[in-house]
Structures are given as C-alpha cells and as structure tokens.
Amino acid sequence: IPRPQDRYSISDKRLFQISDQNLNMEVTLLEGEVFSGTLDWFGRFELGVTLQDETTQVHVFRHALHRVKVES
C-alpha cells in the first residue's frame, strides 16, 4: 500500500460533478476489487456508491481508492 502522500486523491469538486450529473463510474480499490455504479453521497473519508444492479450500496473509504474512472 502506498505512502499516504502517494495515494490516489479525488477532489470534492470532481465528486460534486459526478454526483450532480449522475454519471456511472468504475472504482478500483488498492486490493484490486473493481466495481461500477453511481455516486450517491460522499463525505470527508467515505463514498457511497450504488452498484449497477441498483440493489446494493457500498461504502468505500477514500484512502482505499486506487483509481476512479468516469464512464460517459
């Protein structure tokens, strides 16, 4: 796991854009898990993502992110 200063960072401004436009996003975690869904909410340390099947919501810590890819 990378040093804290080398971790993936995503700004609140970018998260507001993703949330407001209801965009699908693909999230990859440091451990390698990959999932897709829409951003429901976010806080200082966490994200709430509803998966594409729309029945499951996951909570992801920001410090566990490896990459966030927005799907157009």
C-alpha atoms as a PDB file:
ATOM      1  CA  ILE A   1       0.000   0.000   0.000  1.00  0.00           C
ATOM      2  CA  PRO A   2       1.479   3.351  -0.993  1.00  0.00           C
ATOM      3  CA  ARG A   3       2.555   6.052   1.395  1.00  0.00           C
ATOM      4  CA  PRO A   4      -0.259   8.482   2.358  1.00  0.00           C
ATOM      5  CA  GLN A   5       1.171  11.269   0.209  1.00  0.00           C
ATOM      6  CA  ASP A   6       1.267   8.925  -2.831  1.00  0.00           C
ATOM      7  CA  ARG A   7      -2.335   7.724  -2.551  1.00  0.00           C
ATOM      8  CA  TYR A   8      -4.986   8.463  -5.159  1.00  0.00           C
ATOM      9  CA  SER A   9      -6.773  11.729  -4.459  1.00  0.00           C
ATOM     10  CA  ILE A  10     -10.095  12.901  -5.848  1.00  0.00           C
ATOM     11  CA  SER A  11     -11.345  16.396  -5.149  1.00  0.00           C
ATOM     12  CA  ASP A  12     -14.740  17.286  -3.728  1.00  0.00           C
ATOM     13  CA  LYS A  13     -15.295  19.450  -6.823  1.00  0.00           C
ATOM     14  CA  ARG A  14     -14.911  16.395  -9.096  1.00  0.00           C
ATOM     15  CA  LEU A  15     -17.169  14.314  -6.850  1.00  0.00           C
ATOM     16  CA  PHE A  16     -19.846  17.045  -6.971  1.00  0.00           C
ATOM     17  CA  GLN A  17     -19.709  16.923 -10.798  1.00  0.00           C
ATOM     18  CA  ILE A  18     -20.050  13.139 -10.837  1.00  0.00           C
ATOM     19  CA  SER A  19     -22.922  13.235  -8.351  1.00  0.00           C
ATOM     20  CA  ASP A  20     -24.807  16.143  -9.956  1.00  0.00           C
ATOM     21  CA  GLN A  21     -24.609  14.642 -13.451  1.00  0.00           C
ATOM     22  CA  ASN A  22     -25.480  11.155 -12.132  1.00  0.00           C
ATOM     23  CA  LEU A  23     -22.556   9.644 -14.065  1.00  0.00           C
ATOM     24  CA  ASN A  24     -21.558   5.991 -13.894  1.00  0.00           C
ATOM     25  CA  MET A  25     -18.112   5.417 -12.511  1.00  0.00           C
ATOM     26  CA  GLU A  26     -15.744   2.498 -12.213  1.00  0.00           C
ATOM     27  CA  VAL A  27     -13.927   2.297  -8.882  1.00  0.00           C
ATOM     28  CA  THR A  28     -10.747   0.276  -8.385  1.00  0.00           C
ATOM     29  CA  LEU A  29      -9.531  -0.300  -4.840  1.00  0.00           C
ATOM     30  CA  LEU A  30      -5.954  -0.804  -3.663  1.00  0.00           C
ATOM     31  CA  GLU A  31      -6.617  -4.504  -3.088  1.00  0.00           C
ATOM     32  CA  GLY A  32      -7.753  -4.922  -6.719  1.00  0.00           C
ATOM     33  CA  GLU A  33     -11.544  -5.057  -6.394  1.00  0.00           C
ATOM     34  CA  VAL A  34     -13.339  -3.296  -9.247  1.00  0.00           C
ATOM     35  CA  PHE A  35     -16.992  -2.276  -9.336  1.00  0.00           C
ATOM     36  CA  SER A  36     -19.220   0.131 -11.245  1.00  0.00           C
ATOM     37  CA  GLY A  37     -22.107   2.271 -10.146  1.00  0.00           C
ATOM     38  CA  THR A  38     -23.327   5.773  -9.404  1.00  0.00           C
ATOM     39  CA  LEU A  39     -22.195   8.064  -6.617  1.00  0.00           C
ATOM     40  CA  ASP A  40     -24.945   8.640  -4.044  1.00  0.00           C
ATOM     41  CA  TRP A  41     -23.086  10.621  -1.415  1.00  0.00           C
ATOM     42  CA  PHE A  42     -19.631  11.400  -0.177  1.00  0.00           C
ATOM     43  CA  GLY A  43     -18.012  12.724   2.938  1.00  0.00           C
ATOM     44  CA  ARG A  44     -14.565  13.617   4.104  1.00  0.00           C
ATOM     45  CA  PHE A  45     -13.439   9.990   4.388  1.00  0.00           C
ATOM     46  CA  GLU A  46     -16.036   7.865   2.546  1.00  0.00           C
ATOM     47  CA  LEU A  47     -18.031   7.470  -0.660  1.00  0.00           C
ATOM     48  CA  GLY A  48     -21.449   5.853  -1.009  1.00  0.00           C
ATOM     49  CA  VAL A  49     -21.861   4.075  -4.339  1.00  0.00           C
ATOM     50  CA  THR A  50     -24.932   2.255  -5.644  1.00  0.00           C
ATOM     51  CA  LEU A  51     -23.876  -0.624  -7.866  1.00  0.00           C
ATOM     52  CA  GLN A  52     -25.290  -1.042 -11.352  1.00  0.00           C
ATOM     53  CA  ASP A  53     -27.830  -3.638 -10.217  1.00  0.00           C
ATOM     54  CA  GLU A  54     -29.344  -0.788  -8.121  1.00  0.00           C
ATOM     55  CA  THR A  55     -29.963  -3.094  -5.170  1.00  0.00           C
ATOM     56  CA  THR A  56     -26.619  -2.870  -3.401  1.00  0.00           C
ATOM     57  CA  GLN A  57     -24.924   0.145  -1.918  1.00  0.00           C
ATOM     58  CA  VAL A  58     -21.285   0.047  -0.875  1.00  0.00           C
ATOM     59  CA  HIS A  59     -19.352   2.400   1.355  1.00  0.00           C
ATOM     60  CA  VAL A  60     -15.754   2.974   0.269  1.00  0.00           C
ATOM     61  CA  PHE A  61     -13.041   4.734   2.212  1.00  0.00           C
ATOM     62  CA  ARG A  62     -11.260   7.387   0.165  1.00  0.00           C
ATOM     63  CA  HIS A  63      -7.882   6.137   1.339  1.00  0.00           C
ATOM     64  CA  ALA A  64      -8.687   2.718  -0.207  1.00  0.00           C
ATOM     65  CA  LEU A  65      -9.058   4.129  -3.745  1.00  0.00           C
ATOM     66  CA  HIS A  66      -6.604   3.203  -6.451  1.00  0.00           C
ATOM     67  CA  ARG A  67      -8.478   4.756  -9.366  1.00  0.00           C
ATOM     68  CA  VAL A  68     -11.856   6.262 -10.241  1.00  0.00           C
ATOM     69  CA  LYS A  69     -12.812   6.220 -13.903  1.00  0.00           C
ATOM     70  CA  VAL A  70     -15.910   8.092 -15.054  1.00  0.00           C
ATOM     71  CA  GLU A  71     -17.864   6.302 -17.774  1.00  0.00           C
ATOM     72  CA  SER A  72     -19.561   8.535 -20.311  1.00  0.00           C
END
